[in-house]
Amino acid sequence: MHDEMARGVALLHLAATLFMVGVIWFVQVVHYPLLARVGRAEFEEYEQAHVRLTGWVVAPPMLTELVTAVLLLWVRPDRVPLWAIGAGLALVAVNWVSTWAFQIPCHDRLTRGFEPAVHRRLVATNWLRTTVWSLRGLLVLGTAFRLT
């Protein structure tokens, strides 16, 4: 039973992380850079809708990733080393801190109108999350291979 539960948690964790890897690369390469091309008159309304709608897309997998990362400390599959679980959880923490320290404040400012400096900061600081989620993706894929 423990192995089945551990495997289920690990696979849910894998799915949430890989989903977010795809989302973050799309956001970093396509979506955030294109914010600068939204017309000034429409930008405020656009950004407010972006913030509202993006939450519906990213909150469930981010929360799933966080909860399963913590659960894996208790139901760690036997073939997965504890260091991999700890490293993964640390990387999740980096993404959450970055989101709350950098991306959310930038988006809050941008909901009141486009500011080129804030937009540049949003794109630049989001490279941290892009890198960390990419590393997490590799880590969870390595974990998944240990389960096969």
C-alpha atoms as a PDB file:
ATOM      1  CA  MET A   1       0.000   0.000   0.000  1.00  0.00           C
ATOM      2  CA  HIS A   2       2.805   2.430   0.886  1.00  0.00           C
ATOM      3  CA  ASP A   3       4.485   1.887  -2.496  1.00  0.00           C
ATOM      4  CA  GLU A   4       1.221   2.453  -4.352  1.00  0.00           C
ATOM      5  CA  MET A   5       0.525   5.670  -2.451  1.00  0.00           C
ATOM      6  CA  ALA A   6       4.111   6.872  -2.892  1.00  0.00           C
ATOM      7  CA  ARG A   7       3.974   6.133  -6.604  1.00  0.00           C
ATOM      8  CA  GLY A   8       0.638   7.949  -6.972  1.00  0.00           C
ATOM      9  CA  VAL A   9       1.914  11.031  -5.140  1.00  0.00           C
ATOM     10  CA  ALA A  10       5.128  10.999  -7.192  1.00  0.00           C
ATOM     11  CA  LEU A  11       3.208  10.741 -10.483  1.00  0.00           C
ATOM     12  CA  LEU A  12       0.824  13.548  -9.507  1.00  0.00           C
ATOM     13  CA  HIS A  13       3.859  15.596  -8.539  1.00  0.00           C
ATOM     14  CA  LEU A  14       5.468  14.822 -11.908  1.00  0.00           C
ATOM     15  CA  ALA A  15       2.333  15.890 -13.793  1.00  0.00           C
ATOM     16  CA  ALA A  16       1.984  19.188 -11.898  1.00  0.00           C
ATOM     17  CA  THR A  17       5.653  20.049 -12.322  1.00  0.00           C
ATOM     18  CA  LEU A  18       5.828  19.217 -16.024  1.00  0.00           C
ATOM     19  CA  PHE A  19       2.634  21.184 -16.645  1.00  0.00           C
ATOM     20  CA  MET A  20       4.254  24.198 -14.968  1.00  0.00           C
ATOM     21  CA  VAL A  21       7.478  23.744 -16.944  1.00  0.00           C
ATOM     22  CA  GLY A  22       5.450  24.127 -20.130  1.00  0.00           C
ATOM     23  CA  VAL A  23       3.486  27.081 -18.788  1.00  0.00           C
ATOM     24  CA  ILE A  24       6.561  28.950 -17.541  1.00  0.00           C
ATOM     25  CA  TRP A  25       8.425  28.608 -20.844  1.00  0.00           C
ATOM     26  CA  PHE A  26       5.379  29.853 -22.752  1.00  0.00           C
ATOM     27  CA  VAL A  27       5.014  32.760 -20.348  1.00  0.00           C
ATOM     28  CA  GLN A  28       8.724  33.636 -20.476  1.00  0.00           C
ATOM     29  CA  VAL A  29       9.247  33.413 -24.228  1.00  0.00           C
ATOM     30  CA  VAL A  30       5.847  34.458 -25.593  1.00  0.00           C
ATOM     31  CA  HIS A  31       3.393  35.915 -23.130  1.00  0.00           C
ATOM     32  CA  TYR A  32       5.427  38.287 -20.949  1.00  0.00           C
ATOM     33  CA  PRO A  33       7.396  39.828 -23.850  1.00  0.00           C
ATOM     34  CA  LEU A  34       4.150  40.445 -25.752  1.00  0.00           C
ATOM     35  CA  LEU A  35       2.728  42.492 -22.862  1.00  0.00           C
ATOM     36  CA  ALA A  36       4.755  45.395 -24.253  1.00  0.00           C
ATOM     37  CA  ARG A  37       2.726  45.231 -27.473  1.00  0.00           C
ATOM     38  CA  VAL A  38      -0.687  45.667 -25.880  1.00  0.00           C
ATOM     39  CA  GLY A  39      -1.968  49.148 -26.635  1.00  0.00           C
ATOM     40  CA  ARG A  40      -1.638  51.662 -23.815  1.00  0.00           C
ATOM     41  CA  ALA A  41      -5.368  52.385 -23.792  1.00  0.00           C
ATOM     42  CA  GLU A  42      -6.215  48.697 -23.444  1.00  0.00           C
ATOM     43  CA  PHE A  43      -3.319  47.625 -21.237  1.00  0.00           C
ATOM     44  CA  GLU A  44      -4.830  48.193 -17.795  1.00  0.00           C
ATOM     45  CA  GLU A  45      -7.953  46.156 -18.578  1.00  0.00           C
ATOM     46  CA  TYR A  46      -5.871  43.500 -20.339  1.00  0.00           C
ATOM     47  CA  GLU A  47      -3.470  43.107 -17.410  1.00  0.00           C
ATOM     48  CA  GLN A  48      -6.299  42.908 -14.884  1.00  0.00           C
ATOM     49  CA  ALA A  49      -7.900  40.120 -16.930  1.00  0.00           C
ATOM     50  CA  HIS A  50      -4.523  38.422 -17.302  1.00  0.00           C
ATOM     51  CA  VAL A  51      -3.973  38.353 -13.533  1.00  0.00           C
ATOM     52  CA  ARG A  52      -7.499  37.098 -12.843  1.00  0.00           C
ATOM     53  CA  LEU A  53      -7.507  34.386 -15.525  1.00  0.00           C
ATOM     54  CA  THR A  54      -3.932  33.210 -15.066  1.00  0.00           C
ATOM     55  CA  GLY A  55      -4.681  32.362 -11.448  1.00  0.00           C
ATOM     56  CA  TRP A  56      -7.252  29.824 -12.598  1.00  0.00           C
ATOM     57  CA  VAL A  57      -4.623  28.130 -14.787  1.00  0.00           C
ATOM     58  CA  VAL A  58      -1.568  28.148 -12.509  1.00  0.00           C
ATOM     59  CA  ALA A  59      -2.956  28.004  -8.957  1.00  0.00           C
ATOM     60  CA  PRO A  60      -4.165  24.358  -9.085  1.00  0.00           C
ATOM     61  CA  PRO A  61      -0.910  22.883 -10.458  1.00  0.00           C
ATOM     62  CA  MET A  62       1.274  25.102  -8.249  1.00  0.00           C
ATOM     63  CA  LEU A  63      -0.675  24.059  -5.154  1.00  0.00           C
ATOM     64  CA  THR A  64      -0.619  20.424  -6.270  1.00  0.00           C
ATOM     65  CA  GLU A  65       3.132  20.644  -6.804  1.00  0.00           C
ATOM     66  CA  LEU A  66       3.656  22.176  -3.355  1.00  0.00           C
ATOM     67  CA  VAL A  67       1.421  19.714  -1.503  1.00  0.00           C
ATOM     68  CA  THR A  68       2.853  16.668  -3.259  1.00  0.00           C
ATOM     69  CA  ALA A  69       6.429  17.902  -2.698  1.00  0.00           C
ATOM     70  CA  VAL A  70       5.720  18.015   1.036  1.00  0.00           C
ATOM     71  CA  LEU A  71       3.860  14.676   0.986  1.00  0.00           C
ATOM     72  CA  LEU A  72       6.831  13.027  -0.704  1.00  0.00           C
ATOM     73  CA  LEU A  73       8.832  13.637   2.468  1.00  0.00           C
ATOM     74  CA  TRP A  74       6.494  11.186   4.230  1.00  0.00           C
ATOM     75  CA  VAL A  75       5.604   8.754   1.462  1.00  0.00           C
ATOM     76  CA  ARG A  76       8.905   8.782  -0.424  1.00  0.00           C
ATOM     77  CA  PRO A  77       9.210   5.883  -2.843  1.00  0.00           C
ATOM     78  CA  ASP A  78      11.967   3.530  -1.687  1.00  0.00           C
ATOM     79  CA  ARG A  79      14.019   3.971  -4.862  1.00  0.00           C
ATOM     80  CA  VAL A  80      14.014   7.787  -4.648  1.00  0.00           C
ATOM     81  CA  PRO A  81      16.801   9.294  -2.521  1.00  0.00           C
ATOM     82  CA  LEU A  82      15.844  11.715   0.219  1.00  0.00           C
ATOM     83  CA  TRP A  83      18.223  14.349  -1.212  1.00  0.00           C
ATOM     84  CA  ALA A  84      16.151  14.430  -4.425  1.00  0.00           C
ATOM     85  CA  ILE A  85      12.946  15.046  -2.466  1.00  0.00           C
ATOM     86  CA  GLY A  86      14.640  17.741  -0.364  1.00  0.00           C
ATOM     87  CA  ALA A  87      16.162  19.444  -3.399  1.00  0.00           C
ATOM     88  CA  GLY A  88      12.809  19.383  -5.165  1.00  0.00           C
ATOM     89  CA  LEU A  89      11.057  20.924  -2.174  1.00  0.00           C
ATOM     90  CA  ALA A  90      13.730  23.622  -1.920  1.00  0.00           C
ATOM     91  CA  LEU A  91      13.215  24.485  -5.590  1.00  0.00           C
ATOM     92  CA  VAL A  92       9.449  24.673  -5.052  1.00  0.00           C
ATOM     93  CA  ALA A  93      10.130  27.144  -2.238  1.00  0.00           C
ATOM     94  CA  VAL A  94      12.321  29.263  -4.543  1.00  0.00           C
ATOM     95  CA  ASN A  95       9.489  29.473  -7.074  1.00  0.00           C
ATOM     96  CA  TRP A  96       6.940  30.456  -4.457  1.00  0.00           C
ATOM     97  CA  VAL A  97       9.229  33.110  -2.969  1.00  0.00           C
ATOM     98  CA  SER A  98       9.999  34.483  -6.432  1.00  0.00           C
ATOM     99  CA  THR A  99       6.302  34.570  -7.320  1.00  0.00           C
ATOM    100  CA  TRP A 100       5.391  36.504  -4.169  1.00  0.00           C
ATOM    101  CA  ALA A 101       8.502  38.714  -4.058  1.00  0.00           C
ATOM    102  CA  PHE A 102       8.826  39.632  -7.735  1.00  0.00           C
ATOM    103  CA  GLN A 103       6.076  38.571 -10.126  1.00  0.00           C
ATOM    104  CA  ILE A 104       3.013  39.434  -8.047  1.00  0.00           C
ATOM    105  CA  PRO A 105       4.288  42.937  -7.145  1.00  0.00           C
ATOM    106  CA  CYS A 106       5.135  43.576 -10.813  1.00  0.00           C
ATOM    107  CA  HIS A 107       1.687  42.454 -11.916  1.00  0.00           C
ATOM    108  CA  ASP A 108       0.077  44.572  -9.182  1.00  0.00           C
ATOM    109  CA  ARG A 109       1.866  47.638 -10.544  1.00  0.00           C
ATOM    110  CA  LEU A 110       1.034  46.783 -14.134  1.00  0.00           C
ATOM    111  CA  THR A 111      -2.693  46.470 -13.375  1.00  0.00           C
ATOM    112  CA  ARG A 112      -2.616  50.257 -12.910  1.00  0.00           C
ATOM    113  CA  GLY A 113      -1.017  50.860 -16.316  1.00  0.00           C
ATOM    114  CA  PHE A 114       1.963  49.846 -18.396  1.00  0.00           C
ATOM    115  CA  GLU A 115       5.358  50.856 -17.009  1.00  0.00           C
ATOM    116  CA  PRO A 116       8.328  49.809 -19.179  1.00  0.00           C
ATOM    117  CA  ALA A 117      10.690  49.447 -16.207  1.00  0.00           C
ATOM    118  CA  VAL A 118       8.237  47.240 -14.315  1.00  0.00           C
ATOM    119  CA  HIS A 119       7.652  45.158 -17.433  1.00  0.00           C
ATOM    120  CA  ARG A 120      11.408  44.675 -17.879  1.00  0.00           C
ATOM    121  CA  ARG A 121      11.722  43.665 -14.208  1.00  0.00           C
ATOM    122  CA  LEU A 122       8.866  41.168 -14.645  1.00  0.00           C
ATOM    123  CA  VAL A 123      10.536  39.529 -17.652  1.00  0.00           C
ATOM    124  CA  ALA A 124      14.014  39.579 -16.093  1.00  0.00           C
ATOM    125  CA  THR A 125      13.012  38.197 -12.694  1.00  0.00           C
ATOM    126  CA  ASN A 126      10.841  35.521 -14.282  1.00  0.00           C
ATOM    127  CA  TRP A 127      14.004  33.887 -15.653  1.00  0.00           C
ATOM    128  CA  LEU A 128      14.592  32.657 -12.099  1.00  0.00           C
ATOM    129  CA  ARG A 129      11.298  30.759 -12.112  1.00  0.00           C
ATOM    130  CA  THR A 130      11.888  29.539 -15.661  1.00  0.00           C
ATOM    131  CA  THR A 131      15.280  28.149 -14.678  1.00  0.00           C
ATOM    132  CA  VAL A 132      14.064  26.641 -11.418  1.00  0.00           C
ATOM    133  CA  TRP A 133      11.022  24.977 -12.993  1.00  0.00           C
ATOM    134  CA  SER A 134      13.258  23.594 -15.728  1.00  0.00           C
ATOM    135  CA  LEU A 135      15.580  22.127 -13.096  1.00  0.00           C
ATOM    136  CA  ARG A 136      12.561  20.747 -11.260  1.00  0.00           C
ATOM    137  CA  GLY A 137      11.356  19.166 -14.477  1.00  0.00           C
ATOM    138  CA  LEU A 138      14.667  17.346 -14.890  1.00  0.00           C
ATOM    139  CA  LEU A 139      14.633  16.320 -11.236  1.00  0.00           C
ATOM    140  CA  VAL A 140      11.120  14.880 -11.310  1.00  0.00           C
ATOM    141  CA  LEU A 141      11.813  13.102 -14.597  1.00  0.00           C
ATOM    142  CA  GLY A 142      14.832  11.481 -12.951  1.00  0.00           C
ATOM    143  CA  THR A 143      12.603  10.507 -10.049  1.00  0.00           C
ATOM    144  CA  ALA A 144      10.026   9.037 -12.423  1.00  0.00           C
ATOM    145  CA  PHE A 145      12.679   6.890 -14.126  1.00  0.00           C
ATOM    146  CA  ARG A 146      13.594   5.450 -10.716  1.00  0.00           C
ATOM    147  CA  LEU A 147       9.958   4.352 -10.333  1.00  0.00           C
ATOM    148  CA  THR A 148       9.912   2.303 -13.531  1.00  0.00           C
END
